[in-house]
Amino acid sequence: MRTEPSFSADSDDHLLDDANNKIASNSESQLGFDYRQRYGLSVDPFVDDPHFPFYQGAQRRQILEQLLHLCQFSHNLLVVTGDYSVGKTRMAQALIDALDDADDISFIEGQITSDINSLVSDILSQFDLSTYEEFIDFCKKTPEQDGLVVLIIDNAHHLADEVVLEVVNILQENFESRLHIVMFAEPHLLGRMSNINAPDIILTDFFLEKFSLADAVDYLNFRMEMSDYLGPEIFTEAKVEPWWRQSQGQLLPLHDHAHENLLASVSTPSNNKSVKSNLLVPHIVLTSILVGGLFVGYLYFGDSSSKKDDAQSTESVSIPVATQLESSVNSSQSQSIGVAPSSAAAITASLSVENKNAKTGSAIASSSASIAQVEIAPEKSQSAQVVKQSVVPLAQTNEFHSQSLKKQNSASSVVAEVKKAAVSSDPVKAVAKAVETSVSVKTKESESFSAQERTILSWDASEFTLQIVGLSNEKAALEFISNQSNKKDLLLFRSLRKGKDWFVVVSGHYPNSAKARQAAQLLPELQLKAAPWPRDLKTIHQEIRQR
């Protein structure tokens, strides 16, 4: 048995609110039908539907996988936090959908007026139980009872501190049972829970980041695609950016802007059509008068005007020839700058030949610029990829952004040095120095990673590893590894969490998450108690490089 979110108007994180009632009138409903018909949509992409396909970008998929894993293999108290209207309730629905059919699930929405008695009453009614003692028996592990008992509390930040404490006590009393509790709340709940004394309970929290601009664009196009839209992407960064800034990370206004944009796409053309039809006759009359006037003017003034045109054309040809020739030369030089040589050896060889020509300085300058493009292009590509993943929960991007700027400035200094040396007496040495400088820059970047981090980076990004534990203190992480019987199999990498260093211990690499879960069962007992969970190496590689 299971209950699900109602997505009522009182919920903090329902994806749409009463703003979607703007299409309640007959005319606007017709417009909604028109744009669904125009774009070939099976459903309205921004309708209030709790079962609409779950968007897995912006780290949503990774968080969902961790919740599922911890529900199955740990007895931790799980808390998912996020600001208002970032999709917490939708995440709760996704968790319900992802749990096994044999699991018993109760969904409760926290209210300011809720007390422990009302919460327990709701739980009992959803499980068809009469007393709290029956609930305790219901949660016990027995051969007859299969699956998990998962209690999901949405808007848990509305609960009073004493109610939260009672909920934690329920979990502590049933520590070895089938019971698991997952809370969805705004971030300030964690500060209130810091004083709760529950020695047997480990609190594991997750944070839902707001969408970046790239995530918002991808999300809106995802909604269209899941509504069976097959055309080119409608929403672009240029279009979505003002909506994204106004919404400040909230999904409700973002949905409203996208919905209004689709309505406008079918309402505006129809208005233009009616205007055109009303002005059709005057346009025909004016066009006829204009054509007649031009014909009469040609008869009377055609000869004189043609002579003047011939004279003007003769004068215009004689003046800009040199200018056009110079611009064509500059254009060819600028094109040669954009051509990247295949290798440093090829560049050096071509320069030695060009050195014999009369235009050595120009050739060297263009070749040097091409080297600069070769060295800088990967840096730009990597930076763009990082920005798209700027919402990684365990790796904030503020410090990395400054690091990225430093790298770009370093690369720019290399370009400047190359251009300066290119006009010197020995252009071949200038190219060799540029290549040597770029190699030294890459060497310094690789030296910024530890030996264990380089090992992790050498693993295939499509594989998975097991995260054993994450700690805020490097010394504690190293001591944890040294005390393990399989310490040779454990690797440590440094990441960032909320702008501070975060040290993560991992073990092994596996072709998929299923293999990683199987390997987790072979870990020592102490590590099993830490509830290790599979993580994709692509995300870990990004965290290491971002830091």
Foldseek 3Di string as FASTA:
>chain_A
DADADPLDQPAQAQLAHCLVCPLVDPVSVVLQVVLCVVQVFQDRLLDRDLPQDDDCPLPLVVVLQLVQLCLVQALAAEEEAEDTALHLSSSVRVNVVPFDPLEYEYEEEDALPDAQVVVVVSVCVSVVHDDVVVVLVLFADDPVRDHAYEYEYEQCVSYDLVRVLVVVVVSLVQVVTRYHYYYYHHPVVVVSCPPRDRVVHHYDYHYRDFADLLRLQVVSQVSRVSRVRDDPRDGDSVRQVVQCVVCVRHSHSSSSVVVVVSSCVSVVVVVVVVVCVVCVVVVVVVVVVVVVVVVVCCVPCVVVVVVVVVVVVVVVVPPCPVVVVVVVVVVVLVVLLCDADPDLVVLLVVLVVLVPDPPSLSVLLSHLSNLLCVLCVVLVVLVVVLVNNCSPQFAHQPVLVVVSVVLVVLSVVLSVQLNVCCNDPDSSVSSVVSVVSSVVSVVVLVVVFDPLLVVLVPDDQQKKWKWQDKDQDPVVVVVVLVPAPVSVQKGWAWFHHPRGIMIIIIGDIGNYQVVNVVVLVVGDPVSSNSSIGMDRSNVVNSRRSSD
